[in-house]
Amino acid sequence: MKQSDGKAHPFAGTRTMTRAQFLRLAARSAGALAASSVLGPARPALGALNEAGRAPVLRRPIPSSGQLLPVIGAGTAVVYSLDPGEAKFAVLVETVRTLLAHGGAVIDTSPTYGRAEQSLGEIFRRIGGREQAFLATKISTTGEQAGIDSVAASLRDLGTDRIDLLQVHNIRDTAVHLRTIRRLQDEGKVRYSGITTSFRNTYEEYERIMRREKLDFIQIDYALDNREAEERILPLARERGMAVLINLPFGRGRLFAKARGRALPPWAEEIDCGSWAQFFLKFVLAHPAVTAVIPGTDRPEYALDNLNAARGRIPDARMRERMLRYWDQLG
């Protein structure tokens, strides 16, 4: 493999490693982290941890403030709706600890994700690290008072007195809830405002809101096999100076299903890619409008695997086209 600096690259030799093999190795690292977790909470993450011999996690600025965010975070829909007494809850605790300790920060949740906000609140009580996390949640209801009550419940369940990013979920009663969000910004309880969707039939209205409102963030679904957002919404976000969070970067599991049993193409090493998850995430990160990606993440080894997509080289436009051609020709 060619290297511009003549040194061995930390990702060299991983191009034929399957996701399962990679995750088995990552699990050992995560297990070691879990074993040492009694020593204290995770270290600060917004300045990504630069492990020996490893490139740091890439960070990008929020256009409205210049604050730098790690480009890989975590989503909590479905998988974080657990009771603390369930056996898998301890795995979620170590997943969040791993994300923060290894350079991640953005954690996206919602009061509509079952017990996810309560789970996160309990996790932060156990490990600390709230100040290292960039915590995003949503209002997903109708009516001003219902929205106000929803935010109060989120603050209580999350165990915090502020929310980094508060979003109108699926553009439901948007104008009403944006007024609430802006009032909370003035009060110092919310830092950034945003809107979300993951449904194509809302894109037209979503775009109208983007043109009408001053927003810090948008959140949209986008993946290697779901590229409609790049036609109008992602360019508009750049034009309007809005940060972009990407949800569903694995296409609700479709991408892994298609890649199952296949080795990465040999040229994946040219973008320091060691797993299919990294391949999918690097493609998304290569779009110039994207600020951060929030794949659903419920195991420490997944957090490590995903974060490695933000280390090393990101595809340029030519490589991105190559990735598209390769993917589209797979049976």
Protein backbone atom coordinates (compact mmCIF):
# COMPACT_ATOMS: atom_id res chain seq x y z
CA MET A 1 0.00 0.00 0.00
CA LYS A 2 1.40 3.39 -0.95
CA GLN A 3 1.95 5.92 1.81
CA SER A 4 2.60 9.59 1.22
CA ASP A 5 4.85 9.87 4.30
CA GLY A 6 6.66 6.57 3.86
CA LYS A 7 5.44 5.24 7.22
CA ALA A 8 3.33 2.17 7.87
CA HIS A 9 -0.29 3.26 8.17
CA PRO A 10 -2.22 2.04 11.24
CA PHE A 11 -4.94 0.57 9.00
CA ALA A 12 -2.55 -1.39 6.79
CA GLY A 13 -3.42 -5.05 6.45
CA THR A 14 -7.10 -4.71 7.40
CA ARG A 15 -8.65 -4.65 3.94
CA THR A 16 -9.64 -8.34 3.91
CA MET A 17 -10.86 -8.38 7.50
CA THR A 18 -14.57 -9.10 7.72
CA ARG A 19 -16.84 -7.07 9.99
CA ALA A 20 -17.22 -10.08 12.28
CA GLN A 21 -13.44 -10.49 12.58
CA PHE A 22 -12.96 -6.80 13.21
CA LEU A 23 -15.65 -6.73 15.86
CA ARG A 24 -14.17 -9.71 17.66
CA LEU A 25 -10.91 -7.79 17.94
CA ALA A 26 -12.73 -4.63 18.93
CA ALA A 27 -14.67 -6.53 21.58
CA ARG A 28 -11.41 -7.43 23.30
CA SER A 29 -10.53 -3.75 23.49
CA ALA A 30 -14.01 -2.93 24.74
CA GLY A 31 -13.77 -5.69 27.31
CA ALA A 32 -10.50 -4.27 28.57
CA LEU A 33 -12.14 -0.87 28.81
CA ALA A 34 -15.07 -2.32 30.76
CA ALA A 35 -12.71 -4.13 33.11
CA SER A 36 -10.97 -0.84 33.92
CA SER A 37 -14.19 1.19 34.21
CA VAL A 38 -14.10 1.09 38.02
CA LEU A 39 -11.23 3.57 37.81
CA GLY A 40 -13.60 6.41 36.97
CA PRO A 41 -15.68 8.13 34.31
CA ALA A 42 -14.78 8.56 30.67
CA ARG A 43 -12.23 11.20 29.74
CA PRO A 44 -13.23 14.33 27.78
CA ALA A 45 -14.27 13.47 24.26
CA LEU A 46 -14.79 16.68 22.30
CA GLY A 47 -11.03 16.78 21.84
CA ALA A 48 -10.93 13.27 20.38
CA LEU A 49 -8.69 10.75 22.14
CA ASN A 50 -5.55 10.18 20.09
CA GLU A 51 -4.52 6.64 20.92
CA ALA A 52 -0.94 5.58 20.34
CA GLY A 53 -0.39 4.93 16.64
CA ARG A 54 -3.93 5.98 15.73
CA ALA A 55 -5.17 8.99 13.84
CA PRO A 56 -7.49 11.27 15.84
CA VAL A 57 -11.24 11.23 15.24
CA LEU A 58 -12.19 13.81 12.63
CA ARG A 59 -14.15 16.83 13.85
CA ARG A 60 -16.15 19.37 11.87
CA PRO A 61 -17.53 22.80 12.80
CA ILE A 62 -21.13 23.71 13.53
CA PRO A 63 -21.61 26.59 11.05
CA SER A 64 -23.61 28.80 13.42
CA SER A 65 -20.99 28.74 16.19
CA GLY A 66 -17.75 27.19 14.97
CA GLN A 67 -17.87 24.55 17.74
CA LEU A 68 -16.13 21.39 16.56
CA LEU A 69 -17.98 18.09 16.78
CA PRO A 70 -16.63 14.56 16.28
CA VAL A 71 -18.20 13.35 13.05
CA ILE A 72 -19.35 9.99 14.46
CA GLY A 73 -21.95 9.83 17.21
CA ALA A 74 -24.65 7.38 18.27
CA GLY A 75 -28.40 6.98 17.85
CA THR A 76 -30.57 5.43 20.55
CA ALA A 77 -33.88 4.54 18.87
CA VAL A 78 -35.32 1.15 19.92
CA VAL A 79 -32.12 -0.36 21.33
CA TYR A 80 -31.85 1.97 24.36
CA SER A 81 -35.39 1.30 25.56
CA LEU A 82 -34.27 -1.00 28.38
CA ASP A 83 -34.92 -1.22 32.07
CA PRO A 84 -31.72 -0.81 34.17
CA GLY A 85 -32.39 -4.23 35.68
CA GLU A 86 -32.08 -6.00 32.32
CA ALA A 87 -28.82 -7.84 31.67
CA LYS A 88 -28.08 -5.93 28.48
CA PHE A 89 -28.27 -2.58 30.25
CA ALA A 90 -24.67 -2.99 31.40
CA VAL A 91 -23.68 -3.30 27.72
CA LEU A 92 -25.34 0.04 26.98
CA VAL A 93 -23.41 1.61 29.86
CA GLU A 94 -20.12 0.42 28.38
CA THR A 95 -21.20 1.47 24.89
CA VAL A 96 -21.66 5.09 25.98
CA ARG A 97 -18.46 4.98 28.01
CA THR A 98 -16.57 3.63 25.00
CA LEU A 99 -18.02 6.23 22.64
CA LEU A 100 -16.99 9.10 24.92
CA ALA A 101 -13.59 7.68 25.89
CA HIS A 102 -12.57 7.07 22.28
CA GLY A 103 -13.48 10.38 20.74
CA GLY A 104 -17.24 10.47 20.16
CA ALA A 105 -19.66 13.00 21.62
CA VAL A 106 -23.01 13.29 19.79
CA ILE A 107 -25.76 11.13 21.30
CA ASP A 108 -29.17 11.51 19.70
CA THR A 109 -32.38 10.46 21.43
CA SER A 110 -36.08 11.28 21.72
CA PRO A 111 -38.96 10.94 24.19
CA THR A 112 -40.60 8.74 21.52
CA TYR A 113 -37.81 6.15 21.78
CA GLY A 114 -39.40 4.28 24.69
CA ARG A 115 -37.16 4.45 27.77
CA ALA A 116 -34.13 5.74 25.86
CA GLU A 117 -33.94 9.12 27.62
CA GLN A 118 -34.31 7.46 31.01
CA SER A 119 -31.63 4.94 30.05
CA LEU A 120 -29.22 7.71 29.12
CA GLY A 121 -29.96 9.55 32.35
CA GLU A 122 -29.13 6.42 34.34
CA ILE A 123 -25.98 5.80 32.27
CA PHE A 124 -24.69 9.30 32.95
CA ARG A 125 -25.42 8.87 36.65
CA ARG A 126 -23.29 5.74 36.65
CA ILE A 127 -20.32 6.86 34.55
CA GLY A 128 -20.38 10.65 34.60
CA GLY A 129 -19.40 12.10 31.25
CA ARG A 130 -22.41 14.34 30.72
CA GLU A 131 -20.10 17.31 30.09
CA GLN A 132 -18.24 15.32 27.43
CA ALA A 133 -21.41 14.39 25.55
CA PHE A 134 -23.22 16.51 22.98
CA LEU A 135 -26.75 15.55 23.88
CA ALA A 136 -29.50 15.91 21.27
CA THR A 137 -33.19 15.19 21.81
CA LYS A 138 -36.51 16.19 20.30
CA ILE A 139 -40.02 17.52 20.71
CA SER A 140 -42.46 15.10 19.08
CA THR A 141 -45.95 16.23 19.93
CA THR A 142 -48.63 18.77 18.99
CA GLY A 143 -49.44 21.99 20.82
CA GLU A 144 -47.34 24.51 22.73
CA GLN A 145 -47.99 23.27 26.26
CA ALA A 146 -47.49 19.65 25.23
CA GLY A 147 -44.11 20.64 23.78
CA ILE A 148 -43.13 22.53 26.94
CA ASP A 149 -44.14 19.55 29.08
CA SER A 150 -42.18 17.21 26.80
CA VAL A 151 -38.98 19.21 27.23
CA ALA A 152 -39.42 19.31 31.00
CA ALA A 153 -39.78 15.51 31.03
CA SER A 154 -36.72 15.11 28.82
CA LEU A 155 -34.59 17.24 31.14
CA ARG A 156 -35.79 15.19 34.11
CA ASP A 157 -35.29 11.82 32.46
CA LEU A 158 -31.88 12.72 31.07
CA GLY A 159 -30.80 14.06 34.45
CA THR A 160 -29.52 17.33 33.03
CA ASP A 161 -30.30 21.03 33.20
CA ARG A 162 -29.51 21.74 29.55
CA ILE A 163 -29.84 20.18 26.11
CA ASP A 164 -27.16 20.75 23.50
CA LEU A 165 -29.51 20.32 20.55
CA LEU A 166 -33.30 20.37 20.68
CA GLN A 167 -35.04 19.35 17.45
CA VAL A 168 -38.62 19.35 16.19
CA HIS A 169 -39.08 15.67 15.42
CA ASN A 170 -40.43 14.84 11.96
CA ILE A 171 -41.43 18.52 11.54
CA ARG A 172 -44.52 18.05 13.70
CA ASP A 173 -46.10 21.43 14.65
CA THR A 174 -42.79 23.02 13.71
CA ALA A 175 -43.57 26.74 14.02
CA VAL A 176 -45.04 26.31 17.51
CA HIS A 177 -42.17 24.20 18.82
CA LEU A 178 -39.45 26.38 17.32
CA ARG A 179 -40.83 29.28 19.36
CA THR A 180 -40.46 27.14 22.48
CA ILE A 181 -36.94 26.08 21.50
CA ARG A 182 -35.86 29.68 20.91
CA ARG A 183 -37.25 30.76 24.26
CA LEU A 184 -35.29 27.95 25.91
CA GLN A 185 -32.18 29.08 24.04
CA ASP A 186 -32.65 32.56 25.47
CA GLU A 187 -32.96 31.00 28.94
CA GLY A 188 -29.74 28.99 28.48
CA LYS A 189 -31.46 25.61 28.69
CA VAL A 190 -30.90 24.76 25.01
CA ARG A 191 -27.91 25.65 22.89
CA TYR A 192 -28.88 24.70 19.32
CA SER A 193 -32.15 24.39 17.38
CA GLY A 194 -33.02 21.90 14.67
CA ILE A 195 -35.58 19.86 12.76
CA THR A 196 -35.60 16.19 11.76
CA THR A 197 -37.14 13.78 9.32
CA SER A 198 -36.50 10.30 7.97
CA PHE A 199 -39.47 10.17 5.61
CA ARG A 200 -39.24 11.12 1.93
CA ASN A 201 -42.88 12.20 1.74
CA THR A 202 -42.01 15.09 4.08
CA TYR A 203 -39.02 16.39 2.09
CA GLU A 204 -40.95 19.10 0.25
CA GLU A 205 -42.30 20.63 3.46
CA TYR A 206 -38.94 20.07 5.15
CA GLU A 207 -37.24 22.14 2.46
CA ARG A 208 -39.80 24.94 2.84
CA ILE A 209 -39.07 25.09 6.58
CA MET A 210 -35.33 25.19 5.91
CA ARG A 211 -35.82 28.18 3.63
CA ARG A 212 -38.15 29.96 6.04
CA GLU A 213 -36.51 29.37 9.42
CA LYS A 214 -33.09 30.12 10.87
CA LEU A 215 -31.86 26.76 12.16
CA ASP A 216 -28.58 25.55 13.62
CA PHE A 217 -29.08 21.91 12.58
CA ILE A 218 -31.08 19.68 10.33
CA GLN A 219 -31.26 15.89 10.68
CA ILE A 220 -32.04 13.75 7.62
CA ASP A 221 -31.86 10.12 6.45
CA TYR A 222 -29.04 9.44 3.99
CA ALA A 223 -27.12 6.30 3.00
CA LEU A 224 -25.24 4.69 0.14
CA ASP A 225 -28.52 3.28 -1.20
CA ASN A 226 -30.69 6.24 -0.14
CA ARG A 227 -29.32 9.38 -1.75
CA GLU A 228 -32.39 11.51 -2.43
CA ALA A 229 -31.38 14.04 0.24
CA GLU A 230 -28.30 15.02 -1.77
CA GLU A 231 -30.45 16.41 -4.60
CA ARG A 232 -31.82 19.46 -2.76
CA ILE A 233 -31.73 19.19 1.03
CA LEU A 234 -28.00 18.75 1.62
CA PRO A 235 -27.02 21.54 -0.81
CA LEU A 236 -29.64 23.81 0.81
CA ALA A 237 -28.18 23.10 4.26
CA ARG A 238 -24.77 24.27 3.02
CA GLU A 239 -26.29 27.35 1.44
CA ARG A 240 -28.19 28.23 4.64
CA GLY A 241 -25.27 27.52 7.00
CA MET A 242 -26.94 24.62 8.82
CA ALA A 243 -25.12 21.72 10.41
CA VAL A 244 -26.29 18.30 9.20
CA LEU A 245 -26.83 15.16 11.28
CA ILE A 246 -27.35 11.98 9.28
CA ASN A 247 -29.64 9.24 10.56
CA LEU A 248 -30.09 5.71 9.14
CA PRO A 249 -26.62 5.62 7.48
CA PHE A 250 -26.88 1.81 7.20
CA GLY A 251 -30.28 2.00 5.48
CA ARG A 252 -32.16 0.22 8.29
CA GLY A 253 -29.78 -2.74 7.88
CA ARG A 254 -30.18 -3.05 4.09
CA LEU A 255 -26.52 -2.29 3.44
CA PHE A 256 -25.22 -4.97 5.78
CA ALA A 257 -27.65 -7.47 4.30
CA LYS A 258 -26.31 -6.85 0.80
CA ALA A 259 -22.66 -6.94 1.93
CA ARG A 260 -23.04 -10.11 4.00
CA GLY A 261 -20.40 -12.69 3.12
CA ARG A 262 -18.45 -10.33 0.87
CA ALA A 263 -14.93 -9.08 1.45
CA LEU A 264 -14.20 -5.39 1.13
CA PRO A 265 -12.80 -4.39 -2.28
CA PRO A 266 -8.97 -4.29 -2.20
CA TRP A 267 -8.93 -0.55 -2.89
CA ALA A 268 -10.80 0.15 0.38
CA GLU A 269 -7.37 0.43 1.98
CA GLU A 270 -6.89 3.65 0.02
CA ILE A 271 -9.41 5.29 2.36
CA ASP A 272 -8.19 3.46 5.49
CA CYS A 273 -11.31 1.33 5.59
CA GLY A 274 -11.31 -1.79 7.78
CA SER A 275 -14.95 -2.91 7.79
CA TRP A 276 -18.20 -2.56 5.89
CA ALA A 277 -19.56 -0.22 8.57
CA GLN A 278 -16.62 2.09 7.93
CA PHE A 279 -17.18 1.83 4.17
CA PHE A 280 -20.80 2.94 4.56
CA LEU A 281 -19.98 5.70 7.04
CA LYS A 282 -17.04 7.07 5.07
CA PHE A 283 -19.26 7.39 2.00
CA VAL A 284 -21.70 9.54 4.00
CA LEU A 285 -18.93 11.57 5.63
CA ALA A 286 -17.50 12.33 2.20
CA HIS A 287 -20.46 14.58 1.40
CA PRO A 288 -19.32 18.16 2.11
CA ALA A 289 -22.60 19.14 3.80
CA VAL A 290 -22.44 16.43 6.48
CA THR A 291 -21.40 17.46 9.99
CA ALA A 292 -21.89 14.18 11.88
CA VAL A 293 -23.45 10.73 11.48
CA ILE A 294 -25.47 9.03 14.24
CA PRO A 295 -25.73 5.28 13.56
CA GLY A 296 -27.70 3.25 16.08
CA THR A 297 -25.05 1.95 18.48
CA ASP A 298 -25.77 -0.48 21.31
CA ARG A 299 -22.50 -2.39 21.75
CA PRO A 300 -19.01 -1.12 22.63
CA GLU A 301 -17.42 -2.90 19.66
CA TYR A 302 -19.87 -1.16 17.32
CA ALA A 303 -18.90 2.19 18.82
CA LEU A 304 -15.22 1.46 18.20
CA ASP A 305 -15.85 0.21 14.67
CA ASN A 306 -17.94 3.24 13.78
CA LEU A 307 -15.46 5.71 15.27
CA ASN A 308 -12.71 4.26 13.10
CA ALA A 309 -14.60 5.55 10.07
CA ALA A 310 -13.64 9.02 11.31
CA ARG A 311 -9.94 8.18 11.42
CA GLY A 312 -7.64 8.27 8.43
CA ARG A 313 -8.64 9.33 4.95
CA ILE A 314 -12.11 10.38 3.85
CA PRO A 315 -13.07 9.66 0.21
CA ASP A 316 -12.65 12.45 -2.30
CA ALA A 317 -15.21 12.98 -5.09
CA ARG A 318 -13.51 10.49 -7.41
CA MET A 319 -13.34 7.77 -4.74
CA ARG A 320 -16.93 8.45 -3.80
CA GLU A 321 -17.98 7.77 -7.39
CA ARG A 322 -15.93 4.59 -7.35
CA MET A 323 -17.72 3.44 -4.19
CA LEU A 324 -21.08 4.13 -5.81
CA ARG A 325 -20.21 2.24 -9.00
CA TYR A 326 -18.91 -0.73 -7.02
CA TRP A 327 -21.97 -0.86 -4.77
CA ASP A 328 -24.48 -0.50 -7.59
CA GLN A 329 -22.94 -3.37 -9.58
CA LEU A 330 -23.06 -5.83 -6.69
CA GLY A 331 -25.73 -8.48 -7.17
